[in-house]
Amino acid sequence: MKNPILKAMLLVVSLFFFSNFVAAQKATQKVVIKTFLHCDHCKECETCGQKFKTEMLKIKGIKMYELDEKAMTFTIYYNAKKTNLQAIKQGISKLGYDADEVKANAEAYESLDGCCKA
């Protein structure tokens, strides 16, 4: 490239896209939330499994989640610009599950299958 103006414009455009990429990466946060599962098959359960598949990603800001049944934890990847940790915990509570110190919503807990309750 012999044209210095073209080089400068290309550099500015590249920096713009790179900075937006970096900003988007910083907005994504990861958190591990302790829960309590009463059965060993929650992911496959007719009630719980469907709730996880359809409702977890409806909680504002959650991009992805993983449920570790053995460790009884949710690993949540979320957009920190759209939500915060407390809102996520409240959302999990509304599904009928504990989320760290936030206890499960009683009404939502009662709607779970019998095998998923203590």
PDB file of N, CA and C in Angstrom:
ATOM      1  N   MET A   1       0.840  -1.176   0.000  1.00  0.00           N
ATOM      2  CA  MET A   1       0.000   0.000   0.000  1.00  0.00           C
ATOM      3  C   MET A   1       0.882   1.234   0.000  1.00  0.00           C
ATOM      4  N   LYS A   2       0.813   1.984  -1.033  1.00  0.00           N
ATOM      5  CA  LYS A   2       1.631   3.176  -1.163  1.00  0.00           C
ATOM      6  C   LYS A   2       0.906   4.406  -0.643  1.00  0.00           C
ATOM      7  N   ASN A   3      -0.399   4.350  -0.541  1.00  0.00           N
ATOM      8  CA  ASN A   3      -1.186   5.504  -0.121  1.00  0.00           C
ATOM      9  C   ASN A   3      -1.213   5.582   1.405  1.00  0.00           C
ATOM     10  N   PRO A   4      -0.568   6.586   2.025  1.00  0.00           N
ATOM     11  CA  PRO A   4      -0.525   6.662   3.491  1.00  0.00           C
ATOM     12  C   PRO A   4      -1.901   6.946   4.111  1.00  0.00           C
ATOM     13  N   ILE A   5      -2.767   7.642   3.410  1.00  0.00           N
ATOM     14  CA  ILE A   5      -4.106   7.925   3.932  1.00  0.00           C
ATOM     15  C   ILE A   5      -4.902   6.635   4.026  1.00  0.00           C
ATOM     16  N   LEU A   6      -4.790   5.796   3.014  1.00  0.00           N
ATOM     17  CA  LEU A   6      -5.482   4.507   3.018  1.00  0.00           C
ATOM     18  C   LEU A   6      -4.965   3.636   4.153  1.00  0.00           C
ATOM     19  N   LYS A   7      -3.652   3.654   4.387  1.00  0.00           N
ATOM     20  CA  LYS A   7      -3.056   2.887   5.480  1.00  0.00           C
ATOM     21  C   LYS A   7      -3.605   3.364   6.828  1.00  0.00           C
ATOM     22  N   ALA A   8      -3.666   4.673   6.986  1.00  0.00           N
ATOM     23  CA  ALA A   8      -4.150   5.233   8.245  1.00  0.00           C
ATOM     24  C   ALA A   8      -5.618   4.881   8.476  1.00  0.00           C
ATOM     25  N   MET A   9      -6.432   4.962   7.430  1.00  0.00           N
ATOM     26  CA  MET A   9      -7.853   4.626   7.557  1.00  0.00           C
ATOM     27  C   MET A   9      -8.028   3.157   7.906  1.00  0.00           C
ATOM     28  N   LEU A  10      -7.246   2.305   7.268  1.00  0.00           N
ATOM     29  CA  LEU A  10      -7.310   0.871   7.553  1.00  0.00           C
ATOM     30  C   LEU A  10      -6.931   0.595   9.004  1.00  0.00           C
ATOM     31  N   LEU A  11      -5.908   1.293   9.487  1.00  0.00           N
ATOM     32  CA  LEU A  11      -5.483   1.126  10.873  1.00  0.00           C
ATOM     33  C   LEU A  11      -6.581   1.577  11.841  1.00  0.00           C
ATOM     34  N   VAL A  12      -7.212   2.714  11.566  1.00  0.00           N
ATOM     35  CA  VAL A  12      -8.288   3.221  12.433  1.00  0.00           C
ATOM     36  C   VAL A  12      -9.469   2.262  12.460  1.00  0.00           C
ATOM     37  N   VAL A  13      -9.863   1.770  11.309  1.00  0.00           N
ATOM     38  CA  VAL A  13     -10.985   0.829  11.236  1.00  0.00           C
ATOM     39  C   VAL A  13     -10.642  -0.450  11.988  1.00  0.00           C
ATOM     40  N   SER A  14      -9.429  -0.949  11.832  1.00  0.00           N
ATOM     41  CA  SER A  14      -9.007  -2.171  12.535  1.00  0.00           C
ATOM     42  C   SER A  14      -9.039  -1.968  14.040  1.00  0.00           C
ATOM     43  N   LEU A  15      -8.530  -0.840  14.496  1.00  0.00           N
ATOM     44  CA  LEU A  15      -8.543  -0.553  15.934  1.00  0.00           C
ATOM     45  C   LEU A  15      -9.967  -0.446  16.473  1.00  0.00           C
ATOM     46  N   PHE A  16     -10.860   0.139  15.698  1.00  0.00           N
ATOM     47  CA  PHE A  16     -12.259   0.258  16.095  1.00  0.00           C
ATOM     48  C   PHE A  16     -12.878  -1.116  16.329  1.00  0.00           C
ATOM     49  N   PHE A  17     -12.710  -2.019  15.376  1.00  0.00           N
ATOM     50  CA  PHE A  17     -13.290  -3.352  15.513  1.00  0.00           C
ATOM     51  C   PHE A  17     -12.634  -4.129  16.644  1.00  0.00           C
ATOM     52  N   PHE A  18     -11.335  -3.993  16.825  1.00  0.00           N
ATOM     53  CA  PHE A  18     -10.642  -4.678  17.899  1.00  0.00           C
ATOM     54  C   PHE A  18     -11.119  -4.179  19.261  1.00  0.00           C
ATOM     55  N   SER A  19     -11.277  -2.865  19.406  1.00  0.00           N
ATOM     56  CA  SER A  19     -11.727  -2.316  20.689  1.00  0.00           C
ATOM     57  C   SER A  19     -13.151  -2.759  21.019  1.00  0.00           C
ATOM     58  N   ASN A  20     -14.016  -2.849  20.017  1.00  0.00           N
ATOM     59  CA  ASN A  20     -15.377  -3.339  20.253  1.00  0.00           C
ATOM     60  C   ASN A  20     -15.361  -4.800  20.672  1.00  0.00           C
ATOM     61  N   PHE A  21     -14.485  -5.599  20.078  1.00  0.00           N
ATOM     62  CA  PHE A  21     -14.358  -7.004  20.437  1.00  0.00           C
ATOM     63  C   PHE A  21     -13.901  -7.136  21.886  1.00  0.00           C
ATOM     64  N   VAL A  22     -12.904  -6.361  22.278  1.00  0.00           N
ATOM     65  CA  VAL A  22     -12.388  -6.404  23.648  1.00  0.00           C
ATOM     66  C   VAL A  22     -13.464  -5.960  24.631  1.00  0.00           C
ATOM     67  N   ALA A  23     -14.206  -4.920  24.302  1.00  0.00           N
ATOM     68  CA  ALA A  23     -15.278  -4.440  25.183  1.00  0.00           C
ATOM     69  C   ALA A  23     -16.351  -5.506  25.359  1.00  0.00           C
ATOM     70  N   ALA A  24     -16.695  -6.206  24.306  1.00  0.00           N
ATOM     71  CA  ALA A  24     -17.707  -7.264  24.388  1.00  0.00           C
ATOM     72  C   ALA A  24     -17.215  -8.410  25.256  1.00  0.00           C
ATOM     73  N   GLN A  25     -15.931  -8.726  25.175  1.00  0.00           N
ATOM     74  CA  GLN A  25     -15.376  -9.801  25.992  1.00  0.00           C
ATOM     75  C   GLN A  25     -15.427  -9.443  27.478  1.00  0.00           C
ATOM     76  N   LYS A  26     -15.171  -8.185  27.820  1.00  0.00           N
ATOM     77  CA  LYS A  26     -15.195  -7.758  29.217  1.00  0.00           C
ATOM     78  C   LYS A  26     -16.608  -7.780  29.787  1.00  0.00           C
ATOM     79  N   ALA A  27     -17.602  -7.636  28.951  1.00  0.00           N
ATOM     80  CA  ALA A  27     -18.982  -7.625  29.424  1.00  0.00           C
ATOM     81  C   ALA A  27     -19.439  -9.016  29.844  1.00  0.00           C
ATOM     82  N   THR A  28     -18.830 -10.057  29.300  1.00  0.00           N
ATOM     83  CA  THR A  28     -19.212 -11.423  29.651  1.00  0.00           C
ATOM     84  C   THR A  28     -18.499 -11.841  30.933  1.00  0.00           C
ATOM     85  N   GLN A  29     -19.290 -12.227  31.914  1.00  0.00           N
ATOM     86  CA  GLN A  29     -18.775 -12.666  33.204  1.00  0.00           C
ATOM     87  C   GLN A  29     -19.123 -14.130  33.419  1.00  0.00           C
ATOM     88  N   LYS A  30     -18.354 -14.779  34.260  1.00  0.00           N
ATOM     89  CA  LYS A  30     -18.603 -16.180  34.616  1.00  0.00           C
ATOM     90  C   LYS A  30     -18.738 -16.249  36.128  1.00  0.00           C
ATOM     91  N   VAL A  31     -19.740 -16.996  36.577  1.00  0.00           N
ATOM     92  CA  VAL A  31     -19.937 -17.167  38.010  1.00  0.00           C
ATOM     93  C   VAL A  31     -20.405 -18.600  38.270  1.00  0.00           C
ATOM     94  N   VAL A  32     -20.018 -19.142  39.402  1.00  0.00           N
ATOM     95  CA  VAL A  32     -20.476 -20.464  39.823  1.00  0.00           C
ATOM     96  C   VAL A  32     -21.411 -20.263  41.004  1.00  0.00           C
ATOM     97  N   ILE A  33     -22.620 -20.782  40.866  1.00  0.00           N
ATOM     98  CA  ILE A  33     -23.652 -20.617  41.891  1.00  0.00           C
ATOM     99  C   ILE A  33     -23.995 -21.979  42.467  1.00  0.00           C
ATOM    100  N   LYS A  34     -23.926 -22.092  43.773  1.00  0.00           N
ATOM    101  CA  LYS A  34     -24.253 -23.334  44.470  1.00  0.00           C
ATOM    102  C   LYS A  34     -25.764 -23.484  44.554  1.00  0.00           C
ATOM    103  N   THR A  35     -26.247 -24.679  44.297  1.00  0.00           N
ATOM    104  CA  THR A  35     -27.672 -24.971  44.408  1.00  0.00           C
ATOM    105  C   THR A  35     -27.827 -26.256  45.197  1.00  0.00           C
ATOM    106  N   PHE A  36     -29.037 -26.753  45.298  1.00  0.00           N
ATOM    107  CA  PHE A  36     -29.274 -28.034  45.954  1.00  0.00           C
ATOM    108  C   PHE A  36     -30.261 -28.822  45.111  1.00  0.00           C
ATOM    109  N   LEU A  37     -29.823 -29.963  44.638  1.00  0.00           N
ATOM    110  CA  LEU A  37     -30.667 -30.833  43.821  1.00  0.00           C
ATOM    111  C   LEU A  37     -31.028 -32.059  44.641  1.00  0.00           C
ATOM    112  N   HIS A  38     -32.298 -32.413  44.623  1.00  0.00           N
ATOM    113  CA  HIS A  38     -32.766 -33.526  45.447  1.00  0.00           C
ATOM    114  C   HIS A  38     -32.746 -34.856  44.712  1.00  0.00           C
ATOM    115  N   CYS A  39     -32.491 -34.825  43.425  1.00  0.00           N
ATOM    116  CA  CYS A  39     -32.428 -36.081  42.672  1.00  0.00           C
ATOM    117  C   CYS A  39     -31.132 -36.100  41.867  1.00  0.00           C
ATOM    118  N   ASP A  40     -30.826 -37.245  41.306  1.00  0.00           N
ATOM    119  CA  ASP A  40     -29.580 -37.369  40.545  1.00  0.00           C
ATOM    120  C   ASP A  40     -29.816 -37.360  39.034  1.00  0.00           C
ATOM    121  N   HIS A  41     -31.004 -36.952  38.630  1.00  0.00           N
ATOM    122  CA  HIS A  41     -31.304 -36.955  37.198  1.00  0.00           C
ATOM    123  C   HIS A  41     -32.026 -35.683  36.749  1.00  0.00           C
ATOM    124  N   CYS A  42     -31.741 -34.581  37.411  1.00  0.00           N
ATOM    125  CA  CYS A  42     -32.486 -33.340  37.144  1.00  0.00           C
ATOM    126  C   CYS A  42     -32.438 -32.909  35.684  1.00  0.00           C
ATOM    127  N   LYS A  43     -31.315 -33.094  35.024  1.00  0.00           N
ATOM    128  CA  LYS A  43     -31.235 -32.666  33.626  1.00  0.00           C
ATOM    129  C   LYS A  43     -32.194 -33.448  32.740  1.00  0.00           C
ATOM    130  N   GLU A  44     -32.458 -34.707  33.088  1.00  0.00           N
ATOM    131  CA  GLU A  44     -33.331 -35.553  32.279  1.00  0.00           C
ATOM    132  C   GLU A  44     -34.772 -35.568  32.767  1.00  0.00           C
ATOM    133  N   CYS A  45     -35.022 -35.045  33.941  1.00  0.00           N
ATOM    134  CA  CYS A  45     -36.361 -35.057  34.529  1.00  0.00           C
ATOM    135  C   CYS A  45     -37.338 -34.313  33.621  1.00  0.00           C
ATOM    136  N   GLU A  46     -38.566 -34.817  33.518  1.00  0.00           N
ATOM    137  CA  GLU A  46     -39.572 -34.194  32.644  1.00  0.00           C
ATOM    138  C   GLU A  46     -39.827 -32.742  33.010  1.00  0.00           C
ATOM    139  N   THR A  47     -39.871 -32.436  34.295  1.00  0.00           N
ATOM    140  CA  THR A  47     -40.128 -31.062  34.719  1.00  0.00           C
ATOM    141  C   THR A  47     -38.843 -30.238  34.754  1.00  0.00           C
ATOM    142  N   CYS A  48     -37.882 -30.695  35.526  1.00  0.00           N
ATOM    143  CA  CYS A  48     -36.654 -29.916  35.723  1.00  0.00           C
ATOM    144  C   CYS A  48     -35.851 -29.774  34.433  1.00  0.00           C
ATOM    145  N   GLY A  49     -35.684 -30.856  33.737  1.00  0.00           N
ATOM    146  CA  GLY A  49     -34.905 -30.822  32.504  1.00  0.00           C
ATOM    147  C   GLY A  49     -35.461 -29.819  31.518  1.00  0.00           C
ATOM    148  N   GLN A  50     -36.785 -29.781  31.383  1.00  0.00           N
ATOM    149  CA  GLN A  50     -37.407 -28.820  30.478  1.00  0.00           C
ATOM    150  C   GLN A  50     -37.263 -27.384  30.995  1.00  0.00           C
ATOM    151  N   LYS A  51     -37.348 -27.217  32.314  1.00  0.00           N
ATOM    152  CA  LYS A  51     -37.151 -25.878  32.876  1.00  0.00           C
ATOM    153  C   LYS A  51     -35.747 -25.380  32.568  1.00  0.00           C
ATOM    154  N   PHE A  52     -34.769 -26.259  32.754  1.00  0.00           N
ATOM    155  CA  PHE A  52     -33.397 -25.853  32.468  1.00  0.00           C
ATOM    156  C   PHE A  52     -33.252 -25.469  31.001  1.00  0.00           C
ATOM    157  N   LYS A  53     -33.798 -26.294  30.123  1.00  0.00           N
ATOM    158  CA  LYS A  53     -33.631 -26.061  28.684  1.00  0.00           C
ATOM    159  C   LYS A  53     -34.360 -24.811  28.203  1.00  0.00           C
ATOM    160  N   THR A  54     -35.534 -24.532  28.766  1.00  0.00           N
ATOM    161  CA  THR A  54     -36.326 -23.418  28.233  1.00  0.00           C
ATOM    162  C   THR A  54     -36.254 -22.148  29.075  1.00  0.00           C
ATOM    163  N   GLU A  55     -36.136 -22.267  30.373  1.00  0.00           N
ATOM    164  CA  GLU A  55     -36.276 -21.100  31.237  1.00  0.00           C
ATOM    165  C   GLU A  55     -34.960 -20.451  31.663  1.00  0.00           C
ATOM    166  N   MET A  56     -33.890 -21.219  31.783  1.00  0.00           N
ATOM    167  CA  MET A  56     -32.629 -20.630  32.248  1.00  0.00           C
ATOM    168  C   MET A  56     -32.150 -19.520  31.319  1.00  0.00           C
ATOM    169  N   LEU A  57     -32.237 -19.747  30.027  1.00  0.00           N
ATOM    170  CA  LEU A  57     -31.745 -18.747  29.080  1.00  0.00           C
ATOM    171  C   LEU A  57     -32.705 -17.570  28.929  1.00  0.00           C
ATOM    172  N   LYS A  58     -33.893 -17.677  29.535  1.00  0.00           N
ATOM    173  CA  LYS A  58     -34.826 -16.554  29.525  1.00  0.00           C
ATOM    174  C   LYS A  58     -34.519 -15.549  30.634  1.00  0.00           C
ATOM    175  N   ILE A  59     -33.682 -15.951  31.584  1.00  0.00           N
ATOM    176  CA  ILE A  59     -33.274 -15.022  32.631  1.00  0.00           C
ATOM    177  C   ILE A  59     -32.402 -13.962  31.966  1.00  0.00           C
ATOM    178  N   LYS A  60     -32.805 -12.737  32.107  1.00  0.00           N
ATOM    179  CA  LYS A  60     -32.158 -11.631  31.398  1.00  0.00           C
ATOM    180  C   LYS A  60     -30.638 -11.643  31.583  1.00  0.00           C
ATOM    181  N   GLY A  61     -29.934 -11.584  30.471  1.00  0.00           N
ATOM    182  CA  GLY A  61     -28.482 -11.461  30.489  1.00  0.00           C
ATOM    183  C   GLY A  61     -27.716 -12.766  30.445  1.00  0.00           C
ATOM    184  N   ILE A  62     -28.369 -13.901  30.729  1.00  0.00           N
ATOM    185  CA  ILE A  62     -27.655 -15.173  30.707  1.00  0.00           C
ATOM    186  C   ILE A  62     -27.408 -15.578  29.260  1.00  0.00           C
ATOM    187  N   LYS A  63     -26.145 -15.851  28.963  1.00  0.00           N
ATOM    188  CA  LYS A  63     -25.767 -16.272  27.620  1.00  0.00           C
ATOM    189  C   LYS A  63     -25.681 -17.788  27.519  1.00  0.00           C
ATOM    190  N   MET A  64     -25.190 -18.405  28.593  1.00  0.00           N
ATOM    191  CA  MET A  64     -24.987 -19.851  28.595  1.00  0.00           C
ATOM    192  C   MET A  64     -24.902 -20.313  30.049  1.00  0.00           C
ATOM    193  N   TYR A  65     -25.255 -21.553  30.280  1.00  0.00           N
ATOM    194  CA  TYR A  65     -25.122 -22.111  31.625  1.00  0.00           C
ATOM    195  C   TYR A  65     -24.741 -23.575  31.516  1.00  0.00           C
ATOM    196  N   GLU A  66     -24.158 -24.078  32.587  1.00  0.00           N
ATOM    197  CA  GLU A  66     -23.845 -25.499  32.703  1.00  0.00           C
ATOM    198  C   GLU A  66     -24.308 -25.942  34.085  1.00  0.00           C
ATOM    199  N   LEU A  67     -24.942 -27.086  34.139  1.00  0.00           N
ATOM    200  CA  LEU A  67     -25.375 -27.650  35.420  1.00  0.00           C
ATOM    201  C   LEU A  67     -24.483 -28.832  35.727  1.00  0.00           C
ATOM    202  N   ASP A  68     -23.832 -28.795  36.877  1.00  0.00           N
ATOM    203  CA  ASP A  68     -23.031 -29.921  37.347  1.00  0.00           C
ATOM    204  C   ASP A  68     -23.821 -30.570  38.472  1.00  0.00           C
ATOM    205  N   GLU A  69     -24.490 -31.684  38.145  1.00  0.00           N
ATOM    206  CA  GLU A  69     -25.365 -32.347  39.123  1.00  0.00           C
ATOM    207  C   GLU A  69     -24.589 -32.900  40.313  1.00  0.00           C
ATOM    208  N   LYS A  70     -23.386 -33.390  40.076  1.00  0.00           N
ATOM    209  CA  LYS A  70     -22.603 -33.964  41.167  1.00  0.00           C
ATOM    210  C   LYS A  70     -22.127 -32.890  42.141  1.00  0.00           C
ATOM    211  N   ALA A  71     -21.634 -31.790  41.617  1.00  0.00           N
ATOM    212  CA  ALA A  71     -21.160 -30.697  42.467  1.00  0.00           C
ATOM    213  C   ALA A  71     -22.300 -29.795  42.927  1.00  0.00           C
ATOM    214  N   MET A  72     -23.484 -29.970  42.327  1.00  0.00           N
ATOM    215  CA  MET A  72     -24.656 -29.154  42.611  1.00  0.00           C
ATOM    216  C   MET A  72     -24.356 -27.672  42.409  1.00  0.00           C
ATOM    217  N   THR A  73     -23.873 -27.366  41.215  1.00  0.00           N
ATOM    218  CA  THR A  73     -23.565 -25.975  40.881  1.00  0.00           C
ATOM    219  C   THR A  73     -24.055 -25.639  39.479  1.00  0.00           C
ATOM    220  N   PHE A  74     -24.383 -24.375  39.302  1.00  0.00           N
ATOM    221  CA  PHE A  74     -24.626 -23.800  37.992  1.00  0.00           C
ATOM    222  C   PHE A  74     -23.412 -22.951  37.667  1.00  0.00           C
ATOM    223  N   THR A  75     -22.838 -23.135  36.507  1.00  0.00           N
ATOM    224  CA  THR A  75     -21.829 -22.202  36.014  1.00  0.00           C
ATOM    225  C   THR A  75     -22.557 -21.344  34.994  1.00  0.00           C
ATOM    226  N   ILE A  76     -22.599 -20.058  35.261  1.00  0.00           N
ATOM    227  CA  ILE A  76     -23.379 -19.124  34.458  1.00  0.00           C
ATOM    228  C   ILE A  76     -22.435 -18.163  33.742  1.00  0.00           C
ATOM    229  N   TYR A  77     -22.668 -17.993  32.449  1.00  0.00           N
ATOM    230  CA  TYR A  77     -21.972 -16.981  31.657  1.00  0.00           C
ATOM    231  C   TYR A  77     -23.021 -15.933  31.314  1.00  0.00           C
ATOM    232  N   TYR A  78     -22.761 -14.689  31.702  1.00  0.00           N
ATOM    233  CA  TYR A  78     -23.783 -13.660  31.536  1.00  0.00           C
ATOM    234  C   TYR A  78     -23.183 -12.334  31.087  1.00  0.00           C
ATOM    235  N   ASN A  79     -24.044 -11.489  30.555  1.00  0.00           N
ATOM    236  CA  ASN A  79     -23.654 -10.161  30.102  1.00  0.00           C
ATOM    237  C   ASN A  79     -23.817  -9.196  31.276  1.00  0.00           C
ATOM    238  N   ALA A  80     -22.704  -8.725  31.804  1.00  0.00           N
ATOM    239  CA  ALA A  80     -22.720  -7.856  32.976  1.00  0.00           C
ATOM    240  C   ALA A  80     -23.336  -6.493  32.678  1.00  0.00           C
ATOM    241  N   LYS A  81     -23.469  -6.140  31.414  1.00  0.00           N
ATOM    242  CA  LYS A  81     -24.109  -4.870  31.070  1.00  0.00           C
ATOM    243  C   LYS A  81     -25.628  -4.980  31.112  1.00  0.00           C
ATOM    244  N   LYS A  82     -26.159  -6.209  31.068  1.00  0.00           N
ATOM    245  CA  LYS A  82     -27.605  -6.416  31.042  1.00  0.00           C
ATOM    246  C   LYS A  82     -28.180  -6.893  32.366  1.00  0.00           C
ATOM    247  N   THR A  83     -27.348  -7.456  33.225  1.00  0.00           N
ATOM    248  CA  THR A  83     -27.859  -8.013  34.475  1.00  0.00           C
ATOM    249  C   THR A  83     -26.756  -8.006  35.523  1.00  0.00           C
ATOM    250  N   ASN A  84     -27.096  -8.466  36.714  1.00  0.00           N
ATOM    251  CA  ASN A  84     -26.103  -8.598  37.776  1.00  0.00           C
ATOM    252  C   ASN A  84     -26.317  -9.930  38.486  1.00  0.00           C
ATOM    253  N   LEU A  85     -25.410 -10.259  39.353  1.00  0.00           N
ATOM    254  CA  LEU A  85     -25.432 -11.562  40.023  1.00  0.00           C
ATOM    255  C   LEU A  85     -26.698 -11.763  40.848  1.00  0.00           C
ATOM    256  N   GLN A  86     -27.138 -10.745  41.549  1.00  0.00           N
ATOM    257  CA  GLN A  86     -28.337 -10.883  42.383  1.00  0.00           C
ATOM    258  C   GLN A  86     -29.581 -11.167  41.538  1.00  0.00           C
ATOM    259  N   ALA A  87     -29.697 -10.522  40.391  1.00  0.00           N
ATOM    260  CA  ALA A  87     -30.843 -10.751  39.505  1.00  0.00           C
ATOM    261  C   ALA A  87     -30.830 -12.183  38.969  1.00  0.00           C
ATOM    262  N   ILE A  88     -29.665 -12.708  38.691  1.00  0.00           N
ATOM    263  CA  ILE A  88     -29.561 -14.090  38.212  1.00  0.00           C
ATOM    264  C   ILE A  88     -29.989 -15.051  39.315  1.00  0.00           C
ATOM    265  N   LYS A  89     -29.522 -14.813  40.518  1.00  0.00           N
ATOM    266  CA  LYS A  89     -29.901 -15.673  41.646  1.00  0.00           C
ATOM    267  C   LYS A  89     -31.413 -15.631  41.874  1.00  0.00           C
ATOM    268  N   GLN A  90     -32.015 -14.463  41.757  1.00  0.00           N
ATOM    269  CA  GLN A  90     -33.465 -14.346  41.907  1.00  0.00           C
ATOM    270  C   GLN A  90     -34.179 -15.120  40.801  1.00  0.00           C
ATOM    271  N   GLY A  91     -33.647 -15.053  39.587  1.00  0.00           N
ATOM    272  CA  GLY A  91     -34.235 -15.792  38.466  1.00  0.00           C
ATOM    273  C   GLY A  91     -34.191 -17.292  38.688  1.00  0.00           C
ATOM    274  N   ILE A  92     -33.076 -17.794  39.203  1.00  0.00           N
ATOM    275  CA  ILE A  92     -32.955 -19.230  39.506  1.00  0.00           C
ATOM    276  C   ILE A  92     -33.926 -19.602  40.622  1.00  0.00           C
ATOM    277  N   SER A  93     -34.060 -18.740  41.619  1.00  0.00           N
ATOM    278  CA  SER A  93     -34.991 -18.974  42.713  1.00  0.00           C
ATOM    279  C   SER A  93     -36.419 -19.106  42.197  1.00  0.00           C
ATOM    280  N   LYS A  94     -36.777 -18.281  41.220  1.00  0.00           N
ATOM    281  CA  LYS A  94     -38.129 -18.317  40.652  1.00  0.00           C
ATOM    282  C   LYS A  94     -38.395 -19.594  39.865  1.00  0.00           C
ATOM    283  N   LEU A  95     -37.328 -20.348  39.541  1.00  0.00           N
ATOM    284  CA  LEU A  95     -37.499 -21.639  38.879  1.00  0.00           C
ATOM    285  C   LEU A  95     -37.691 -22.770  39.897  1.00  0.00           C
ATOM    286  N   GLY A  96     -37.479 -22.463  41.183  1.00  0.00           N
ATOM    287  CA  GLY A  96     -37.684 -23.453  42.229  1.00  0.00           C
ATOM    288  C   GLY A  96     -36.405 -24.029  42.815  1.00  0.00           C
ATOM    289  N   TYR A  97     -35.286 -23.368  42.575  1.00  0.00           N
ATOM    290  CA  TYR A  97     -33.985 -23.868  43.045  1.00  0.00           C
ATOM    291  C   TYR A  97     -33.282 -22.818  43.884  1.00  0.00           C
ATOM    292  N   ASP A  98     -32.513 -23.301  44.879  1.00  0.00           N
ATOM    293  CA  ASP A  98     -31.673 -22.403  45.654  1.00  0.00           C
ATOM    294  C   ASP A  98     -30.566 -21.870  44.752  1.00  0.00           C
ATOM    295  N   ALA A  99     -30.103 -20.674  45.064  1.00  0.00           N
ATOM    296  CA  ALA A  99     -28.991 -20.065  44.340  1.00  0.00           C
ATOM    297  C   ALA A  99     -28.111 -19.367  45.375  1.00  0.00           C
ATOM    298  N   ASP A 100     -27.095 -20.073  45.843  1.00  0.00           N
ATOM    299  CA  ASP A 100     -26.250 -19.617  46.941  1.00  0.00           C
ATOM    300  C   ASP A 100     -27.143 -19.307  48.140  1.00  0.00           C
ATOM    301  N   GLU A 101     -27.111 -18.062  48.622  1.00  0.00           N
ATOM    302  CA  GLU A 101     -27.882 -17.691  49.814  1.00  0.00           C
ATOM    303  C   GLU A 101     -29.347 -17.411  49.518  1.00  0.00           C
ATOM    304  N   VAL A 102     -29.729 -17.314  48.257  1.00  0.00           N
ATOM    305  CA  VAL A 102     -31.117 -17.048  47.876  1.00  0.00           C
ATOM    306  C   VAL A 102     -31.880 -18.372  47.817  1.00  0.00           C
ATOM    307  N   LYS A 103     -32.852 -18.512  48.667  1.00  0.00           N
ATOM    308  CA  LYS A 103     -33.621 -19.756  48.732  1.00  0.00           C
ATOM    309  C   LYS A 103     -34.633 -19.836  47.587  1.00  0.00           C
ATOM    310  N   ALA A 104     -34.989 -21.042  47.225  1.00  0.00           N
ATOM    311  CA  ALA A 104     -35.952 -21.281  46.155  1.00  0.00           C
ATOM    312  C   ALA A 104     -37.294 -20.654  46.494  1.00  0.00           C
ATOM    313  N   ASN A 105     -37.925 -20.076  45.494  1.00  0.00           N
ATOM    314  CA  ASN A 105     -39.277 -19.548  45.633  1.00  0.00           C
ATOM    315  C   ASN A 105     -40.185 -20.723  46.003  1.00  0.00           C
ATOM    316  N   ALA A 106     -40.949 -20.585  47.083  1.00  0.00           N
ATOM    317  CA  ALA A 106     -41.765 -21.689  47.609  1.00  0.00           C
ATOM    318  C   ALA A 106     -42.782 -22.191  46.589  1.00  0.00           C
ATOM    319  N   GLU A 107     -43.446 -21.293  45.894  1.00  0.00           N
ATOM    320  CA  GLU A 107     -44.450 -21.690  44.907  1.00  0.00           C
ATOM    321  C   GLU A 107     -43.812 -22.438  43.734  1.00  0.00           C
ATOM    322  N   ALA A 108     -42.677 -21.949  43.274  1.00  0.00           N
ATOM    323  CA  ALA A 108     -41.974 -22.600  42.158  1.00  0.00           C
ATOM    324  C   ALA A 108     -41.437 -23.963  42.590  1.00  0.00           C
ATOM    325  N   TYR A 109     -40.958 -24.036  43.824  1.00  0.00           N
ATOM    326  CA  TYR A 109     -40.453 -25.309  44.352  1.00  0.00           C
ATOM    327  C   TYR A 109     -41.569 -26.354  44.380  1.00  0.00           C
ATOM    328  N   GLU A 110     -42.744 -25.950  44.796  1.00  0.00           N
ATOM    329  CA  GLU A 110     -43.868 -26.887  44.867  1.00  0.00           C
ATOM    330  C   GLU A 110     -44.302 -27.395  43.483  1.00  0.00           C
ATOM    331  N   SER A 111     -43.993 -26.655  42.437  1.00  0.00           N
ATOM    332  CA  SER A 111     -44.371 -27.079  41.085  1.00  0.00           C
ATOM    333  C   SER A 111     -43.410 -28.119  40.503  1.00  0.00           C
ATOM    334  N   LEU A 112     -42.292 -28.380  41.185  1.00  0.00           N
ATOM    335  CA  LEU A 112     -41.341 -29.395  40.695  1.00  0.00           C
ATOM    336  C   LEU A 112     -41.906 -30.791  40.886  1.00  0.00           C
ATOM    337  N   ASP A 113     -41.414 -31.761  40.122  1.00  0.00           N
ATOM    338  CA  ASP A 113     -41.802 -33.163  40.305  1.00  0.00           C
ATOM    339  C   ASP A 113     -41.429 -33.631  41.708  1.00  0.00           C
ATOM    340  N   GLY A 114     -42.136 -34.624  42.190  1.00  0.00           N
ATOM    341  CA  GLY A 114     -41.892 -35.152  43.527  1.00  0.00           C
ATOM    342  C   GLY A 114     -40.480 -35.628  43.745  1.00  0.00           C
ATOM    343  N   CYS A 115     -39.870 -36.197  42.716  1.00  0.00           N
ATOM    344  CA  CYS A 115     -38.501 -36.703  42.860  1.00  0.00           C
ATOM    345  C   CYS A 115     -37.485 -35.574  43.018  1.00  0.00           C
ATOM    346  N   CYS A 116     -37.875 -34.375  42.663  1.00  0.00           N
ATOM    347  CA  CYS A 116     -36.961 -33.240  42.711  1.00  0.00           C
ATOM    348  C   CYS A 116     -37.113 -32.422  43.991  1.00  0.00           C
ATOM    349  N   LYS A 117     -37.990 -32.896  44.867  1.00  0.00           N
ATOM    350  CA  LYS A 117     -38.183 -32.223  46.156  1.00  0.00           C
ATOM    351  C   LYS A 117     -37.728 -33.152  47.272  1.00  0.00           C
ATOM    352  N   ALA A 118     -37.337 -32.539  48.384  1.00  0.00           N
ATOM    353  CA  ALA A 118     -36.865 -33.331  49.540  1.00  0.00           C
ATOM    354  C   ALA A 118     -38.012 -34.025  50.214  1.00  0.00           C
TER     355      ALA A 118
END
